[in-house]
Amino acid sequence: GYDTAVRSFVNIIATPKGGTHVTGFERSVTRTVNEVLRSTKLLRVAEDDVVKDDALEGLTAVVTVRLAEPQFEGQTKEVLGTAAANRIVAGVVAKELKEFLTSGKRDAKAQARAVPQSLRLLR
């Protein structure tokens, strides 16, 4: 289906309402997809960027981080509030996703090409 399913954890504690780590993940996926679409000329300069909902559509992901001293919002630990998690997760996701989408390896090449092209078709 086209539903997005993102589950998140901090030190094996479920964070069903997400938090800074999920925000960093979503932001990084959206930004990286737009960069790859522009660099492969599938998205022209005059065209608007792909929005978060389109970039994440149909995605299934588990975002988990381990932090020495996590800061949660509220007593229930449903939302991570540690600001550094946003930047760290965004950096790792951007690096690895860009490497995958621009991969020259034969096995990954067809899969990597299908992602930006399917996003282009959504527009």
C-alpha atoms as a PDB file:
ATOM      1  CA  GLY A   1       0.000   0.000   0.000  1.00  0.00           C
ATOM      2  CA  TYR A   2       0.865   3.650   0.116  1.00  0.00           C
ATOM      3  CA  ASP A   3       0.664   4.064   3.883  1.00  0.00           C
ATOM      4  CA  THR A   4       3.811   5.097   5.708  1.00  0.00           C
ATOM      5  CA  ALA A   5       4.760   2.947   8.693  1.00  0.00           C
ATOM      6  CA  VAL A   6       7.489   4.366  10.934  1.00  0.00           C
ATOM      7  CA  ARG A   7       8.217   2.787  14.304  1.00  0.00           C
ATOM      8  CA  SER A   8      10.708   4.421  16.630  1.00  0.00           C
ATOM      9  CA  PHE A   9      12.729   3.392  19.647  1.00  0.00           C
ATOM     10  CA  VAL A  10      15.255   4.929  22.028  1.00  0.00           C
ATOM     11  CA  ASN A  11      17.415   2.476  23.988  1.00  0.00           C
ATOM     12  CA  ILE A  12      14.830  -0.264  23.185  1.00  0.00           C
ATOM     13  CA  ILE A  13      12.021   1.892  24.627  1.00  0.00           C
ATOM     14  CA  ALA A  14       9.218   2.419  22.112  1.00  0.00           C
ATOM     15  CA  THR A  15       8.503   6.057  21.275  1.00  0.00           C
ATOM     16  CA  PRO A  16       5.120   5.753  19.550  1.00  0.00           C
ATOM     17  CA  LYS A  17       4.775   9.513  19.092  1.00  0.00           C
ATOM     18  CA  GLY A  18       8.262   9.831  17.593  1.00  0.00           C
ATOM     19  CA  GLY A  19      10.477  12.711  18.554  1.00  0.00           C
ATOM     20  CA  THR A  20      13.617  14.407  17.369  1.00  0.00           C
ATOM     21  CA  HIS A  21      15.096  11.213  15.908  1.00  0.00           C
ATOM     22  CA  VAL A  22      12.049  10.644  13.695  1.00  0.00           C
ATOM     23  CA  THR A  23      12.030  14.308  12.654  1.00  0.00           C
ATOM     24  CA  GLY A  24      15.679  14.022  11.600  1.00  0.00           C
ATOM     25  CA  PHE A  25      14.935  10.833   9.675  1.00  0.00           C
ATOM     26  CA  GLU A  26      11.973  12.288   7.777  1.00  0.00           C
ATOM     27  CA  ARG A  27      13.753  15.552   7.007  1.00  0.00           C
ATOM     28  CA  SER A  28      16.838  13.743   5.756  1.00  0.00           C
ATOM     29  CA  VAL A  29      14.911  11.334   3.519  1.00  0.00           C
ATOM     30  CA  THR A  30      13.013  14.230   1.930  1.00  0.00           C
ATOM     31  CA  ARG A  31      16.118  16.369   1.425  1.00  0.00           C
ATOM     32  CA  THR A  32      18.216  13.504   0.025  1.00  0.00           C
ATOM     33  CA  VAL A  33      15.508  12.381  -2.389  1.00  0.00           C
ATOM     34  CA  ASN A  34      15.242  15.935  -3.730  1.00  0.00           C
ATOM     35  CA  GLU A  35      19.029  16.196  -4.121  1.00  0.00           C
ATOM     36  CA  VAL A  36      19.187  12.918  -6.032  1.00  0.00           C
ATOM     37  CA  LEU A  37      16.225  13.850  -8.245  1.00  0.00           C
ATOM     38  CA  ARG A  38      17.893  17.143  -9.151  1.00  0.00           C
ATOM     39  CA  SER A  39      21.333  15.611  -9.730  1.00  0.00           C
ATOM     40  CA  THR A  40      19.877  12.947 -12.043  1.00  0.00           C
ATOM     41  CA  LYS A  41      17.827  15.596 -13.872  1.00  0.00           C
ATOM     42  CA  LEU A  42      14.544  13.865 -13.009  1.00  0.00           C
ATOM     43  CA  LEU A  43      13.496  17.091 -11.294  1.00  0.00           C
ATOM     44  CA  ARG A  44      14.126  20.286 -13.209  1.00  0.00           C
ATOM     45  CA  VAL A  45      15.309  23.524 -11.631  1.00  0.00           C
ATOM     46  CA  ALA A  46      11.964  25.236 -12.214  1.00  0.00           C
ATOM     47  CA  GLU A  47       9.971  22.421 -10.592  1.00  0.00           C
ATOM     48  CA  ASP A  48       9.025  22.374  -6.918  1.00  0.00           C
ATOM     49  CA  ASP A  49      10.727  19.961  -4.544  1.00  0.00           C
ATOM     50  CA  VAL A  50       9.101  16.664  -3.641  1.00  0.00           C
ATOM     51  CA  VAL A  51       7.213  17.178  -0.380  1.00  0.00           C
ATOM     52  CA  LYS A  52       7.662  15.009   2.720  1.00  0.00           C
ATOM     53  CA  ASP A  53       4.401  13.115   2.215  1.00  0.00           C
ATOM     54  CA  ASP A  54       5.429  12.062  -1.301  1.00  0.00           C
ATOM     55  CA  ALA A  55       8.980  11.144  -0.287  1.00  0.00           C
ATOM     56  CA  LEU A  56       7.745   8.948   2.574  1.00  0.00           C
ATOM     57  CA  GLU A  57       4.727   7.445   0.823  1.00  0.00           C
ATOM     58  CA  GLY A  58       4.688   3.661   1.132  1.00  0.00           C
ATOM     59  CA  LEU A  59       7.818   3.641   3.290  1.00  0.00           C
ATOM     60  CA  THR A  60       8.265   1.185   6.140  1.00  0.00           C
ATOM     61  CA  ALA A  61      11.030   2.115   8.580  1.00  0.00           C
ATOM     62  CA  VAL A  62      12.294   1.444  12.065  1.00  0.00           C
ATOM     63  CA  VAL A  63      14.222   4.355  13.553  1.00  0.00           C
ATOM     64  CA  THR A  64      16.147   3.357  16.639  1.00  0.00           C
ATOM     65  CA  VAL A  65      18.846   5.224  18.519  1.00  0.00           C
ATOM     66  CA  ARG A  66      20.936   4.528  21.578  1.00  0.00           C
ATOM     67  CA  LEU A  67      21.703   7.514  23.757  1.00  0.00           C
ATOM     68  CA  ALA A  68      23.626   7.699  27.023  1.00  0.00           C
ATOM     69  CA  GLU A  69      21.215  10.193  28.573  1.00  0.00           C
ATOM     70  CA  PRO A  70      18.048  10.540  26.489  1.00  0.00           C
ATOM     71  CA  GLN A  71      15.676  13.364  27.322  1.00  0.00           C
ATOM     72  CA  PHE A  72      12.020  12.518  26.883  1.00  0.00           C
ATOM     73  CA  GLU A  73       9.087  14.888  26.781  1.00  0.00           C
ATOM     74  CA  GLY A  74       6.728  13.976  29.596  1.00  0.00           C
ATOM     75  CA  GLN A  75       6.652  11.051  31.991  1.00  0.00           C
ATOM     76  CA  THR A  76       5.435   8.405  29.545  1.00  0.00           C
ATOM     77  CA  LYS A  77       8.589   8.458  27.360  1.00  0.00           C
ATOM     78  CA  GLU A  78       6.510   8.517  24.163  1.00  0.00           C
ATOM     79  CA  VAL A  79       8.476  11.386  22.545  1.00  0.00           C
ATOM     80  CA  LEU A  80      12.240  11.861  22.424  1.00  0.00           C
ATOM     81  CA  GLY A  81      13.268  15.452  23.056  1.00  0.00           C
ATOM     82  CA  THR A  82      17.075  15.224  22.736  1.00  0.00           C
ATOM     83  CA  ALA A  83      17.940  17.868  20.127  1.00  0.00           C
ATOM     84  CA  ALA A  84      21.240  16.252  19.095  1.00  0.00           C
ATOM     85  CA  ALA A  85      19.395  13.117  17.913  1.00  0.00           C
ATOM     86  CA  ASN A  86      17.818  15.117  15.082  1.00  0.00           C
ATOM     87  CA  ARG A  87      21.169  16.159  13.623  1.00  0.00           C
ATOM     88  CA  ILE A  88      22.875  12.806  14.149  1.00  0.00           C
ATOM     89  CA  VAL A  89      20.085  10.733  12.581  1.00  0.00           C
ATOM     90  CA  ALA A  90      19.765  13.194   9.686  1.00  0.00           C
ATOM     91  CA  GLY A  91      23.490  12.946   8.938  1.00  0.00           C
ATOM     92  CA  VAL A  92      23.601   9.151   8.984  1.00  0.00           C
ATOM     93  CA  VAL A  93      20.443   8.761   6.898  1.00  0.00           C
ATOM     94  CA  ALA A  94      21.587  11.324   4.314  1.00  0.00           C
ATOM     95  CA  LYS A  95      24.969   9.656   3.887  1.00  0.00           C
ATOM     96  CA  GLU A  96      23.658   6.097   3.583  1.00  0.00           C
ATOM     97  CA  LEU A  97      20.576   6.900   1.481  1.00  0.00           C
ATOM     98  CA  LYS A  98      22.557   9.022  -0.974  1.00  0.00           C
ATOM     99  CA  GLU A  99      25.147   6.260  -1.259  1.00  0.00           C
ATOM    100  CA  PHE A 100      22.376   3.738  -2.016  1.00  0.00           C
ATOM    101  CA  LEU A 101      20.517   5.937  -4.512  1.00  0.00           C
ATOM    102  CA  THR A 102      23.687   6.784  -6.437  1.00  0.00           C
ATOM    103  CA  SER A 103      25.209   3.307  -6.159  1.00  0.00           C
ATOM    104  CA  GLY A 104      27.139   1.918  -9.080  1.00  0.00           C
ATOM    105  CA  LYS A 105      26.885  -1.668  -7.888  1.00  0.00           C
ATOM    106  CA  ARG A 106      25.027  -3.845 -10.339  1.00  0.00           C
ATOM    107  CA  ASP A 107      22.653  -5.412  -7.790  1.00  0.00           C
ATOM    108  CA  ALA A 108      21.608  -2.134  -6.201  1.00  0.00           C
ATOM    109  CA  LYS A 109      21.568  -0.028  -9.371  1.00  0.00           C
ATOM    110  CA  ALA A 110      18.128  -1.094 -10.645  1.00  0.00           C
ATOM    111  CA  GLN A 111      16.561  -0.752  -7.202  1.00  0.00           C
ATOM    112  CA  ALA A 112      18.157   2.631  -6.653  1.00  0.00           C
ATOM    113  CA  ARG A 113      16.961   3.941 -10.024  1.00  0.00           C
ATOM    114  CA  ALA A 114      13.385   2.823  -9.346  1.00  0.00           C
ATOM    115  CA  VAL A 115      13.050   5.013  -6.237  1.00  0.00           C
ATOM    116  CA  PRO A 116      13.563   8.466  -7.811  1.00  0.00           C
ATOM    117  CA  GLN A 117      11.700   7.492 -10.958  1.00  0.00           C
ATOM    118  CA  SER A 118       8.645   6.354  -9.002  1.00  0.00           C
ATOM    119  CA  LEU A 119       8.727   9.615  -7.036  1.00  0.00           C
ATOM    120  CA  ARG A 120       8.900  11.518 -10.312  1.00  0.00           C
ATOM    121  CA  LEU A 121       5.777   9.691 -11.509  1.00  0.00           C
ATOM    122  CA  LEU A 122       3.880  10.714  -8.381  1.00  0.00           C
ATOM    123  CA  ARG A 123       4.220  14.356  -9.288  1.00  0.00           C
END
